[in-house]
Amino acid sequence: MDDTVRAWLLAQLGPMDLAELTGRYERLHSARAVALEVLSERRAKLLAEPLRLVVDGVVTMDQTANLTGLERQLAAIQANPGPDDAAGDDAVPHLDVTALVPARRAR
C-alpha cells in the first residue's frame, strides 16, 4: 500500500490503526474494498444496537443520523473508483445509449 492509498483510506475512514488497514489491504488488494468492508462493519455495529434510546428527563440518544451518513458514504464509495482502481479498465463493459430521431426535411 503506497502513501496515496493510505491517505485516501484515512480520509474516507478517519483515524485508524495503520497495521489493521495494511492487513486488510493485503487481504483484499483494493482500497475501495477495504473502505467498503470497514464502513459495512461500522453500519452492522450500529444496527446491532438500538438506534434510539430515551430515558425521560435524563438522556436522549439518537443514532439514526449516523446510520444515514454511513449509508451515504457507502453509496458514494461504491459509485466512485478508488485511488488504486485501474482507470479505463477493459474488463468492465460500457454501454452508450443514443435515441435515434428521424431527420426533418423541409420541402
Protein backbone atom coordinates (compact mmCIF):
# COMPACT_ATOMS: atom_id res chain seq x y z
CA MET A 1 0.00 0.00 0.00
CA ASP A 2 1.50 3.32 -1.05
CA ASP A 3 1.10 6.75 0.55
CA THR A 4 -1.69 7.83 -1.83
CA VAL A 5 -3.84 4.80 -0.98
CA ARG A 6 -3.14 5.18 2.74
CA ALA A 7 -4.09 8.87 2.67
CA TRP A 8 -7.31 8.12 0.75
CA LEU A 9 -8.29 5.40 3.21
CA LEU A 10 -7.64 7.63 6.21
CA ALA A 11 -9.67 10.43 4.57
CA GLN A 12 -12.60 8.05 4.00
CA LEU A 13 -12.46 6.20 7.32
CA GLY A 14 -10.95 8.64 9.79
CA PRO A 15 -8.13 7.77 12.17
CA MET A 16 -7.45 4.03 12.23
CA ASP A 17 -4.71 1.63 13.17
CA LEU A 18 -2.34 1.53 10.18
CA ALA A 19 -1.42 -2.10 10.82
CA GLU A 20 -5.10 -3.07 10.57
CA LEU A 21 -5.51 -1.08 7.34
CA THR A 22 -2.39 -2.66 5.85
CA GLY A 23 -3.57 -6.16 6.78
CA ARG A 24 -6.97 -5.59 5.21
CA TYR A 25 -5.39 -4.12 2.08
CA GLU A 26 -3.07 -7.12 1.69
CA ARG A 27 -6.06 -9.45 2.02
CA LEU A 28 -8.46 -7.54 -0.27
CA HIS A 29 -5.98 -5.93 -2.74
CA SER A 30 -8.19 -2.83 -3.19
CA ALA A 31 -8.55 0.40 -1.24
CA ARG A 32 -12.21 0.65 -2.17
CA ALA A 33 -12.85 -2.90 -0.91
CA VAL A 34 -11.12 -2.05 2.39
CA ALA A 35 -13.22 1.11 2.81
CA LEU A 36 -16.44 -0.76 2.00
CA GLU A 37 -15.60 -3.53 4.46
CA VAL A 38 -14.79 -1.14 7.32
CA LEU A 39 -17.88 1.01 6.71
CA SER A 40 -20.09 -2.08 6.42
CA GLU A 41 -18.76 -3.30 9.77
CA ARG A 42 -19.49 0.08 11.33
CA ARG A 43 -23.02 0.01 9.87
CA ALA A 44 -23.62 -3.52 11.20
CA LYS A 45 -22.38 -2.45 14.63
CA LEU A 46 -24.86 0.45 14.66
CA LEU A 47 -27.71 -1.83 13.58
CA ALA A 48 -26.89 -4.37 16.31
CA GLU A 49 -27.71 -1.78 18.99
CA PRO A 50 -30.90 0.22 19.42
CA LEU A 51 -30.77 3.31 17.18
CA ARG A 52 -32.72 5.43 19.63
CA LEU A 53 -32.61 5.44 23.42
CA VAL A 54 -34.79 7.73 25.53
CA VAL A 55 -34.76 7.96 29.31
CA ASP A 56 -37.42 10.53 30.18
CA GLY A 57 -35.93 13.65 31.69
CA VAL A 58 -32.40 12.22 31.70
CA VAL A 59 -30.98 11.49 28.26
CA THR A 60 -31.94 11.00 24.63
CA MET A 61 -29.56 9.29 22.21
CA ASP A 62 -30.41 9.02 18.52
CA GLN A 63 -28.06 7.22 16.11
CA THR A 64 -30.28 7.36 13.00
CA ALA A 65 -28.35 10.30 11.54
CA ASN A 66 -25.10 8.37 11.95
CA LEU A 67 -26.63 5.38 10.18
CA THR A 68 -27.86 7.57 7.33
CA GLY A 69 -24.42 9.15 7.00
CA LEU A 70 -22.73 5.74 6.85
CA GLU A 71 -25.15 4.55 4.18
CA ARG A 72 -24.49 7.66 2.09
CA GLN A 73 -20.76 7.20 2.45
CA LEU A 74 -21.05 3.54 1.42
CA ALA A 75 -23.05 4.54 -1.68
CA ALA A 76 -20.52 7.22 -2.61
CA ILE A 77 -17.59 4.83 -2.33
CA GLN A 78 -19.41 2.17 -4.37
CA ALA A 79 -20.18 4.71 -7.11
CA ASN A 80 -16.67 6.15 -7.43
CA PRO A 81 -13.36 4.42 -8.16
CA GLY A 82 -10.69 4.16 -5.50
CA PRO A 83 -7.17 5.54 -5.91
CA ASP A 84 -5.76 2.16 -6.95
CA ASP A 85 -8.56 1.16 -9.33
CA ALA A 86 -7.44 0.89 -12.94
CA ALA A 87 -8.64 3.84 -14.99
CA GLY A 88 -10.43 2.72 -18.12
CA ASP A 89 -10.49 -0.93 -17.10
CA ASP A 90 -11.38 -3.00 -20.16
CA ALA A 91 -12.88 -5.75 -18.01
CA VAL A 92 -15.86 -3.52 -17.25
CA PRO A 93 -18.25 -3.31 -20.21
CA HIS A 94 -19.54 0.12 -21.13
CA LEU A 95 -22.81 0.76 -22.92
CA ASP A 96 -23.74 4.02 -24.60
CA VAL A 97 -27.35 4.67 -25.49
CA THR A 98 -28.50 7.19 -28.08
CA ALA A 99 -32.02 7.95 -29.19
CA LEU A 100 -32.49 7.83 -32.95
CA VAL A 101 -34.77 10.57 -34.24
CA PRO A 102 -35.80 10.89 -37.88
CA ALA A 103 -34.41 13.97 -39.60
CA ARG A 104 -36.97 16.62 -40.52
CA ARG A 105 -36.86 17.55 -44.12
CA ALA A 106 -38.13 20.90 -45.32
CA ARG A 107 -39.77 20.88 -48.75
